[in-house]
Structures are given as structure tokens and as C-alpha cells.
Amino acid sequence: MAQVNPYLNFKGNCEEAFTFYKSVFGGEFTFIGRFKDMPAPDITLSEEEGNMIMHVSLPISKETTLFGSDVNGPWTAQFVTGNNISLSVNTESEAEAKRIFDGLSAGGQVTMPLEKTFWNAYFGMFTDKFGISWMVNYDYNTSQ
């Protein structure tokens, strides 16, 4: 069965926000990665951009994980406080991920096709025909 979690985007202060959320909810980050750590040899990042958060995960209950990242590059111009949240669907199989991605993205705008990623997941992003931003993810690490 799919699990839906909130995914928050920030304009350079993701680490500060998630440190605050951690102080409120408790717990520990299960992952925190920076843009400088991702394999992208054709992209040049400033030191500030490199230190921004690419992805952070903070479990806040047994059922819910708060996800987040900073926006940079071409996505910065589209950032508006209020549109900086997506729903992240975590699935139990590639087939379920494909079914949900194809179904919800029908009539919408795909921003990242569903494909295997360098972080060992099957992942894609889109905005549905109602203007809601979604991410669909099947994590190979926890499933094999």
C-alpha cells in the first residue's frame, strides 16, 4: 500500500527549518544530503549552492516522514512561498509506482519522468491537472 508524506521546499534555509522541526517533533534525520554530494559532473555549483540541502528526511511518527530540500538553479525562479509543498507517494513496488505516476499525471505536466535514479530509487515528479505537485518513489534500498 502506498504511503503519502509531505515534501517541503525552501529557498536556502532548509537546514535551518528542519533543525527547528526536529526540535519540535524530536527524533533524528534518517538522511541528509547536500547538492555538492550528488554525481553531476556537468553542473557547476557555487559553494553556497553546494552546501544547500538536496534531500532531508525526518520521521515524525510511525506513519509519516517529513521530507525537504532547498531549491536552486532553474527551479529558484518558480519558487513562491505557498507553492513550496508537494505530496510524496512511497510505493511498495515499481509496478505500483508506475500505476500511480501514470494515473495521477494524466492530463498534467511531468517535470521529471519516472526512472531509476542515482540514489537507487525509481522516482518521478509532476503537477497534476488540478495544479497539485506530486513525487512518486519506489526505494530499492528498503525493498530488496
N, C-alpha and C. Protein backbone atom coordinates (compact mmCIF):
# COMPACT_ATOMS: atom_id res chain seq x y z
N MET A 1 0.84 -1.18 0.00
CA MET A 1 0.00 0.00 0.00
C MET A 1 0.89 1.25 0.00
N ALA A 2 0.55 2.22 -0.78
CA ALA A 2 1.32 3.45 -0.89
C ALA A 2 1.20 4.29 0.38
N GLN A 3 2.26 5.03 0.65
CA GLN A 3 2.31 5.95 1.78
C GLN A 3 2.51 7.36 1.24
N VAL A 4 1.77 8.34 1.75
CA VAL A 4 1.88 9.72 1.29
C VAL A 4 2.49 10.57 2.41
N ASN A 5 3.53 11.35 2.06
CA ASN A 5 4.22 12.21 3.01
C ASN A 5 4.39 13.61 2.43
N PRO A 6 4.43 14.64 3.28
CA PRO A 6 4.66 16.00 2.79
C PRO A 6 6.13 16.20 2.42
N TYR A 7 6.36 16.93 1.31
CA TYR A 7 7.71 17.27 0.86
C TYR A 7 7.77 18.79 0.75
N LEU A 8 8.61 19.41 1.56
CA LEU A 8 8.70 20.87 1.64
C LEU A 8 9.95 21.37 0.93
N ASN A 9 9.82 22.45 0.19
CA ASN A 9 10.95 23.08 -0.49
C ASN A 9 11.22 24.44 0.14
N PHE A 10 12.50 24.79 0.18
CA PHE A 10 12.92 26.04 0.80
C PHE A 10 13.89 26.76 -0.12
N LYS A 11 14.00 28.06 0.09
CA LYS A 11 14.89 28.88 -0.73
C LYS A 11 16.16 29.19 0.05
N GLY A 12 16.91 28.11 0.37
CA GLY A 12 18.20 28.28 1.02
C GLY A 12 18.22 28.07 2.52
N ASN A 13 17.06 27.88 3.15
CA ASN A 13 17.06 27.71 4.61
C ASN A 13 16.44 26.38 5.05
N CYS A 14 16.56 25.35 4.21
CA CYS A 14 16.02 24.04 4.54
C CYS A 14 16.65 23.48 5.82
N GLU A 15 17.95 23.58 5.92
CA GLU A 15 18.63 23.02 7.11
C GLU A 15 18.15 23.70 8.39
N GLU A 16 18.01 25.01 8.34
CA GLU A 16 17.50 25.76 9.50
C GLU A 16 16.09 25.32 9.84
N ALA A 17 15.23 25.20 8.83
CA ALA A 17 13.84 24.80 9.06
C ALA A 17 13.76 23.40 9.65
N PHE A 18 14.54 22.46 9.09
CA PHE A 18 14.47 21.08 9.57
C PHE A 18 15.11 20.91 10.95
N THR A 19 16.09 21.73 11.28
CA THR A 19 16.63 21.72 12.64
C THR A 19 15.54 22.17 13.61
N PHE A 20 14.77 23.17 13.21
CA PHE A 20 13.64 23.62 14.03
C PHE A 20 12.58 22.52 14.15
N TYR A 21 12.19 21.90 13.02
CA TYR A 21 11.17 20.84 13.06
C TYR A 21 11.64 19.69 13.95
N LYS A 22 12.92 19.36 13.87
CA LYS A 22 13.49 18.29 14.70
C LYS A 22 13.38 18.65 16.18
N SER A 23 13.57 19.93 16.52
CA SER A 23 13.47 20.35 17.92
C SER A 23 12.03 20.24 18.43
N VAL A 24 11.07 20.33 17.53
CA VAL A 24 9.66 20.23 17.92
C VAL A 24 9.20 18.78 17.95
N PHE A 25 9.46 18.03 16.87
CA PHE A 25 8.98 16.65 16.77
C PHE A 25 9.88 15.65 17.47
N GLY A 26 11.17 15.98 17.62
CA GLY A 26 12.14 15.04 18.16
C GLY A 26 12.63 14.12 17.06
N GLY A 27 13.34 13.07 17.46
CA GLY A 27 13.85 12.11 16.50
C GLY A 27 15.15 12.57 15.87
N GLU A 28 15.57 11.81 14.86
CA GLU A 28 16.82 12.07 14.15
C GLU A 28 16.58 12.04 12.65
N PHE A 29 17.39 12.77 11.92
CA PHE A 29 17.33 12.71 10.46
C PHE A 29 17.76 11.31 10.03
N THR A 30 16.98 10.69 9.14
CA THR A 30 17.39 9.40 8.59
C THR A 30 18.26 9.58 7.36
N PHE A 31 18.21 10.77 6.77
CA PHE A 31 19.08 11.10 5.64
C PHE A 31 19.19 12.62 5.55
N ILE A 32 20.39 13.09 5.27
CA ILE A 32 20.59 14.49 4.92
C ILE A 32 21.73 14.54 3.90
N GLY A 33 21.43 15.03 2.70
CA GLY A 33 22.40 15.11 1.63
C GLY A 33 22.44 16.50 1.03
N ARG A 34 23.61 16.90 0.58
CA ARG A 34 23.80 18.23 0.00
C ARG A 34 24.01 18.13 -1.51
N PHE A 35 23.73 19.23 -2.20
CA PHE A 35 23.87 19.24 -3.66
C PHE A 35 25.30 18.93 -4.08
N LYS A 36 26.30 19.33 -3.31
CA LYS A 36 27.70 19.07 -3.69
C LYS A 36 28.02 17.58 -3.66
N ASP A 37 27.20 16.78 -3.00
CA ASP A 37 27.45 15.34 -2.88
C ASP A 37 26.81 14.52 -3.99
N MET A 38 26.01 15.14 -4.85
CA MET A 38 25.35 14.37 -5.90
C MET A 38 26.24 14.29 -7.13
N PRO A 39 26.16 13.17 -7.83
CA PRO A 39 27.01 13.00 -9.02
C PRO A 39 26.46 13.76 -10.22
N ALA A 40 26.98 14.95 -10.45
CA ALA A 40 26.55 15.77 -11.59
C ALA A 40 27.76 16.53 -12.12
N PRO A 41 28.65 15.84 -12.84
CA PRO A 41 29.90 16.47 -13.27
C PRO A 41 29.74 17.64 -14.23
N ASP A 42 28.60 17.75 -14.91
CA ASP A 42 28.41 18.82 -15.88
C ASP A 42 27.74 20.05 -15.28
N ILE A 43 27.53 20.05 -13.96
CA ILE A 43 26.89 21.19 -13.30
C ILE A 43 27.90 21.85 -12.37
N THR A 44 28.05 23.16 -12.52
CA THR A 44 28.94 23.91 -11.64
C THR A 44 28.10 24.62 -10.59
N LEU A 45 28.42 24.37 -9.32
CA LEU A 45 27.70 24.98 -8.22
C LEU A 45 28.62 25.92 -7.46
N SER A 46 28.07 27.02 -7.00
CA SER A 46 28.83 27.88 -6.09
C SER A 46 28.96 27.13 -4.76
N GLU A 47 29.83 27.61 -3.89
CA GLU A 47 29.98 26.97 -2.57
C GLU A 47 28.66 27.01 -1.81
N GLU A 48 27.96 28.14 -1.90
CA GLU A 48 26.67 28.28 -1.22
C GLU A 48 25.65 27.27 -1.75
N GLU A 49 25.55 27.15 -3.09
CA GLU A 49 24.62 26.18 -3.68
C GLU A 49 25.02 24.74 -3.32
N GLY A 50 26.30 24.44 -3.33
CA GLY A 50 26.77 23.11 -3.00
C GLY A 50 26.41 22.68 -1.59
N ASN A 51 26.38 23.63 -0.67
CA ASN A 51 26.06 23.32 0.73
C ASN A 51 24.57 23.28 1.01
N MET A 52 23.74 23.66 0.03
CA MET A 52 22.29 23.58 0.22
C MET A 52 21.86 22.12 0.32
N ILE A 53 20.71 21.91 0.93
CA ILE A 53 20.19 20.57 1.15
C ILE A 53 19.52 20.04 -0.12
N MET A 54 20.01 18.90 -0.61
CA MET A 54 19.40 18.23 -1.76
C MET A 54 18.19 17.42 -1.30
N HIS A 55 18.34 16.76 -0.12
CA HIS A 55 17.23 15.98 0.44
C HIS A 55 17.49 15.73 1.91
N VAL A 56 16.43 15.85 2.71
CA VAL A 56 16.48 15.52 4.14
C VAL A 56 15.20 14.78 4.50
N SER A 57 15.33 13.81 5.40
CA SER A 57 14.19 13.01 5.86
C SER A 57 14.15 13.05 7.38
N LEU A 58 12.98 13.38 7.94
CA LEU A 58 12.78 13.41 9.38
C LEU A 58 11.49 12.67 9.72
N PRO A 59 11.61 11.43 10.23
CA PRO A 59 10.39 10.73 10.67
C PRO A 59 9.75 11.49 11.83
N ILE A 60 8.44 11.73 11.72
CA ILE A 60 7.75 12.44 12.80
C ILE A 60 6.71 11.56 13.48
N SER A 61 6.48 10.37 12.94
CA SER A 61 5.63 9.36 13.57
C SER A 61 5.94 8.03 12.90
N LYS A 62 5.28 6.96 13.33
CA LYS A 62 5.48 5.66 12.69
C LYS A 62 5.03 5.69 11.24
N GLU A 63 4.05 6.51 10.93
CA GLU A 63 3.44 6.52 9.60
C GLU A 63 3.91 7.66 8.71
N THR A 64 4.52 8.70 9.28
CA THR A 64 4.78 9.92 8.50
C THR A 64 6.23 10.36 8.61
N THR A 65 6.80 10.70 7.46
CA THR A 65 8.13 11.28 7.39
C THR A 65 8.01 12.63 6.70
N LEU A 66 8.63 13.62 7.29
CA LEU A 66 8.69 14.95 6.69
C LEU A 66 9.94 14.99 5.82
N PHE A 67 9.78 15.31 4.53
CA PHE A 67 10.88 15.41 3.58
C PHE A 67 11.09 16.87 3.21
N GLY A 68 12.31 17.21 2.81
CA GLY A 68 12.56 18.58 2.39
C GLY A 68 13.80 18.72 1.55
N SER A 69 13.92 19.90 0.90
CA SER A 69 15.10 20.25 0.12
C SER A 69 15.11 21.75 -0.13
N ASP A 70 16.29 22.25 -0.49
CA ASP A 70 16.40 23.62 -0.97
C ASP A 70 16.21 23.60 -2.47
N VAL A 71 15.71 24.69 -3.02
CA VAL A 71 15.62 24.84 -4.47
C VAL A 71 16.79 25.71 -4.91
N ASN A 72 17.35 25.36 -6.06
CA ASN A 72 18.38 26.20 -6.66
C ASN A 72 18.34 26.00 -8.16
N GLY A 73 19.20 26.70 -8.86
CA GLY A 73 19.23 26.58 -10.31
C GLY A 73 17.94 27.06 -10.94
N PRO A 74 17.48 26.35 -11.98
CA PRO A 74 16.30 26.81 -12.73
C PRO A 74 15.01 26.80 -11.92
N TRP A 75 14.97 26.08 -10.81
CA TRP A 75 13.75 26.00 -10.01
C TRP A 75 13.57 27.21 -9.09
N THR A 76 14.65 27.97 -8.86
CA THR A 76 14.58 29.11 -7.96
C THR A 76 13.57 30.14 -8.44
N ALA A 77 13.53 30.40 -9.73
CA ALA A 77 12.61 31.41 -10.28
C ALA A 77 11.15 31.03 -10.07
N GLN A 78 10.86 29.73 -9.98
CA GLN A 78 9.48 29.27 -9.81
C GLN A 78 9.07 29.19 -8.35
N PHE A 79 10.02 29.38 -7.43
CA PHE A 79 9.73 29.26 -6.00
C PHE A 79 8.89 30.43 -5.52
N VAL A 80 7.77 30.11 -4.92
CA VAL A 80 6.91 31.10 -4.28
C VAL A 80 6.45 30.49 -2.97
N THR A 81 6.62 31.21 -1.87
CA THR A 81 6.13 30.69 -0.60
C THR A 81 4.64 30.43 -0.75
N GLY A 82 4.25 29.22 -0.43
CA GLY A 82 2.85 28.80 -0.60
C GLY A 82 2.73 27.71 -1.65
N ASN A 83 3.64 27.71 -2.65
CA ASN A 83 3.62 26.63 -3.63
C ASN A 83 4.81 25.69 -3.42
N ASN A 84 5.39 25.75 -2.24
CA ASN A 84 6.62 25.01 -1.97
C ASN A 84 6.38 23.70 -1.23
N ILE A 85 5.27 23.06 -1.49
CA ILE A 85 4.97 21.76 -0.89
C ILE A 85 4.47 20.81 -1.97
N SER A 86 4.93 19.58 -1.89
CA SER A 86 4.47 18.51 -2.77
C SER A 86 4.02 17.35 -1.91
N LEU A 87 3.26 16.46 -2.50
CA LEU A 87 2.92 15.21 -1.83
C LEU A 87 3.82 14.13 -2.40
N SER A 88 4.49 13.41 -1.53
CA SER A 88 5.42 12.36 -1.93
C SER A 88 4.78 11.01 -1.65
N VAL A 89 4.59 10.21 -2.69
CA VAL A 89 3.99 8.89 -2.57
C VAL A 89 5.11 7.86 -2.61
N ASN A 90 5.25 7.08 -1.55
CA ASN A 90 6.23 5.99 -1.49
C ASN A 90 5.50 4.68 -1.69
N THR A 91 5.95 3.91 -2.67
CA THR A 91 5.25 2.70 -3.06
C THR A 91 6.02 1.44 -2.65
N GLU A 92 5.35 0.31 -2.79
CA GLU A 92 5.94 -0.97 -2.41
C GLU A 92 6.55 -1.72 -3.59
N SER A 93 6.37 -1.20 -4.81
CA SER A 93 6.92 -1.86 -5.99
C SER A 93 7.06 -0.87 -7.14
N GLU A 94 7.88 -1.24 -8.13
CA GLU A 94 7.99 -0.43 -9.36
C GLU A 94 6.64 -0.37 -10.06
N ALA A 95 5.95 -1.50 -10.11
CA ALA A 95 4.65 -1.55 -10.80
C ALA A 95 3.65 -0.60 -10.15
N GLU A 96 3.62 -0.56 -8.82
CA GLU A 96 2.71 0.35 -8.13
C GLU A 96 3.12 1.80 -8.40
N ALA A 97 4.42 2.07 -8.40
CA ALA A 97 4.90 3.43 -8.69
C ALA A 97 4.47 3.86 -10.08
N LYS A 98 4.64 2.99 -11.06
CA LYS A 98 4.26 3.32 -12.44
C LYS A 98 2.76 3.55 -12.56
N ARG A 99 1.96 2.69 -11.93
CA ARG A 99 0.50 2.82 -11.99
C ARG A 99 0.05 4.15 -11.40
N ILE A 100 0.59 4.50 -10.24
CA ILE A 100 0.20 5.75 -9.58
C ILE A 100 0.72 6.95 -10.35
N PHE A 101 1.97 6.91 -10.80
CA PHE A 101 2.54 8.01 -11.57
C PHE A 101 1.72 8.25 -12.84
N ASP A 102 1.50 7.18 -13.61
CA ASP A 102 0.76 7.32 -14.87
C ASP A 102 -0.66 7.80 -14.63
N GLY A 103 -1.29 7.29 -13.59
CA GLY A 103 -2.68 7.68 -13.31
C GLY A 103 -2.80 9.13 -12.89
N LEU A 104 -2.00 9.55 -11.90
CA LEU A 104 -2.12 10.91 -11.38
C LEU A 104 -1.58 11.97 -12.34
N SER A 105 -0.60 11.61 -13.18
CA SER A 105 -0.02 12.61 -14.08
C SER A 105 -0.82 12.79 -15.37
N ALA A 106 -1.81 11.93 -15.61
CA ALA A 106 -2.63 12.04 -16.83
C ALA A 106 -3.28 13.42 -16.91
N GLY A 107 -3.03 14.12 -17.99
CA GLY A 107 -3.59 15.46 -18.18
C GLY A 107 -2.81 16.54 -17.47
N GLY A 108 -1.74 16.17 -16.77
CA GLY A 108 -0.92 17.13 -16.04
C GLY A 108 0.38 17.40 -16.77
N GLN A 109 1.37 17.89 -16.02
CA GLN A 109 2.68 18.25 -16.58
C GLN A 109 3.77 17.48 -15.86
N VAL A 110 4.44 16.56 -16.56
CA VAL A 110 5.55 15.81 -15.97
C VAL A 110 6.78 16.72 -15.92
N THR A 111 7.38 16.85 -14.73
CA THR A 111 8.58 17.67 -14.57
C THR A 111 9.84 16.83 -14.47
N MET A 112 9.70 15.57 -14.08
CA MET A 112 10.81 14.61 -14.08
C MET A 112 10.21 13.24 -14.36
N PRO A 113 10.55 12.63 -15.49
CA PRO A 113 9.97 11.32 -15.82
C PRO A 113 10.31 10.28 -14.75
N LEU A 114 9.46 9.29 -14.62
CA LEU A 114 9.68 8.19 -13.69
C LEU A 114 10.82 7.33 -14.23
N GLU A 115 11.93 7.26 -13.46
CA GLU A 115 13.09 6.50 -13.90
C GLU A 115 13.97 6.14 -12.71
N LYS A 116 14.88 5.19 -12.91
CA LYS A 116 15.83 4.81 -11.87
C LYS A 116 16.81 5.96 -11.68
N THR A 117 17.12 6.27 -10.42
CA THR A 117 17.96 7.41 -10.09
C THR A 117 19.29 6.97 -9.47
N PHE A 118 20.20 7.92 -9.33
CA PHE A 118 21.50 7.63 -8.73
C PHE A 118 21.37 7.29 -7.24
N TRP A 119 20.25 7.66 -6.60
CA TRP A 119 20.09 7.33 -5.18
C TRP A 119 19.37 5.99 -4.99
N ASN A 120 19.32 5.21 -6.07
CA ASN A 120 18.80 3.85 -6.05
C ASN A 120 17.30 3.79 -5.77
N ALA A 121 16.59 4.64 -6.46
CA ALA A 121 15.13 4.64 -6.37
C ALA A 121 14.55 4.79 -7.78
N TYR A 122 13.31 4.43 -7.92
CA TYR A 122 12.51 4.65 -9.12
C TYR A 122 11.68 5.86 -8.78
N PHE A 123 11.91 7.00 -9.45
CA PHE A 123 11.38 8.27 -8.98
C PHE A 123 10.95 9.16 -10.13
N GLY A 124 9.87 9.92 -9.92
CA GLY A 124 9.42 10.90 -10.88
C GLY A 124 8.60 11.99 -10.21
N MET A 125 8.46 13.13 -10.90
CA MET A 125 7.70 14.27 -10.37
C MET A 125 6.77 14.83 -11.45
N PHE A 126 5.67 15.39 -11.01
CA PHE A 126 4.73 16.01 -11.93
C PHE A 126 3.77 16.91 -11.18
N THR A 127 3.08 17.75 -11.93
CA THR A 127 1.96 18.54 -11.40
C THR A 127 0.72 17.98 -12.06
N ASP A 128 -0.27 17.61 -11.26
CA ASP A 128 -1.47 17.00 -11.84
C ASP A 128 -2.35 18.05 -12.51
N LYS A 129 -3.41 17.60 -13.14
CA LYS A 129 -4.26 18.51 -13.91
C LYS A 129 -5.01 19.51 -13.02
N PHE A 130 -4.90 19.34 -11.70
CA PHE A 130 -5.54 20.27 -10.77
C PHE A 130 -4.53 21.22 -10.13
N GLY A 131 -3.25 21.14 -10.56
CA GLY A 131 -2.22 22.03 -10.06
C GLY A 131 -1.50 21.54 -8.81
N ILE A 132 -1.73 20.30 -8.40
CA ILE A 132 -1.08 19.73 -7.22
C ILE A 132 0.24 19.08 -7.63
N SER A 133 1.32 19.38 -6.90
CA SER A 133 2.63 18.81 -7.17
C SER A 133 2.78 17.47 -6.45
N TRP A 134 3.28 16.47 -7.19
CA TRP A 134 3.45 15.12 -6.66
C TRP A 134 4.84 14.61 -6.96
N MET A 135 5.31 13.70 -6.10
CA MET A 135 6.53 12.92 -6.31
C MET A 135 6.14 11.48 -6.07
N VAL A 136 6.61 10.58 -6.93
CA VAL A 136 6.34 9.15 -6.75
C VAL A 136 7.69 8.46 -6.63
N ASN A 137 7.82 7.60 -5.63
CA ASN A 137 9.10 6.99 -5.31
C ASN A 137 8.93 5.52 -4.92
N TYR A 138 9.77 4.68 -5.50
CA TYR A 138 9.94 3.30 -5.02
C TYR A 138 11.40 3.16 -4.66
N ASP A 139 11.70 2.91 -3.40
CA ASP A 139 13.07 2.85 -2.90
C ASP A 139 13.58 1.42 -2.96
N TYR A 140 14.56 1.17 -3.83
CA TYR A 140 15.15 -0.17 -3.95
C TYR A 140 15.86 -0.59 -2.67
N ASN A 141 16.43 0.35 -1.93
CA ASN A 141 17.22 0.03 -0.72
C ASN A 141 16.41 -0.68 0.34
N THR A 142 15.17 -0.31 0.55
CA THR A 142 14.37 -0.89 1.62
C THR A 142 13.53 -2.06 1.13
N SER A 143 13.55 -2.31 -0.17
CA SER A 143 12.64 -3.29 -0.73
C SER A 143 13.34 -4.56 -1.21
N GLN A 144 14.65 -4.57 -1.23
CA GLN A 144 15.35 -5.74 -1.73
C GLN A 144 16.19 -6.37 -0.66
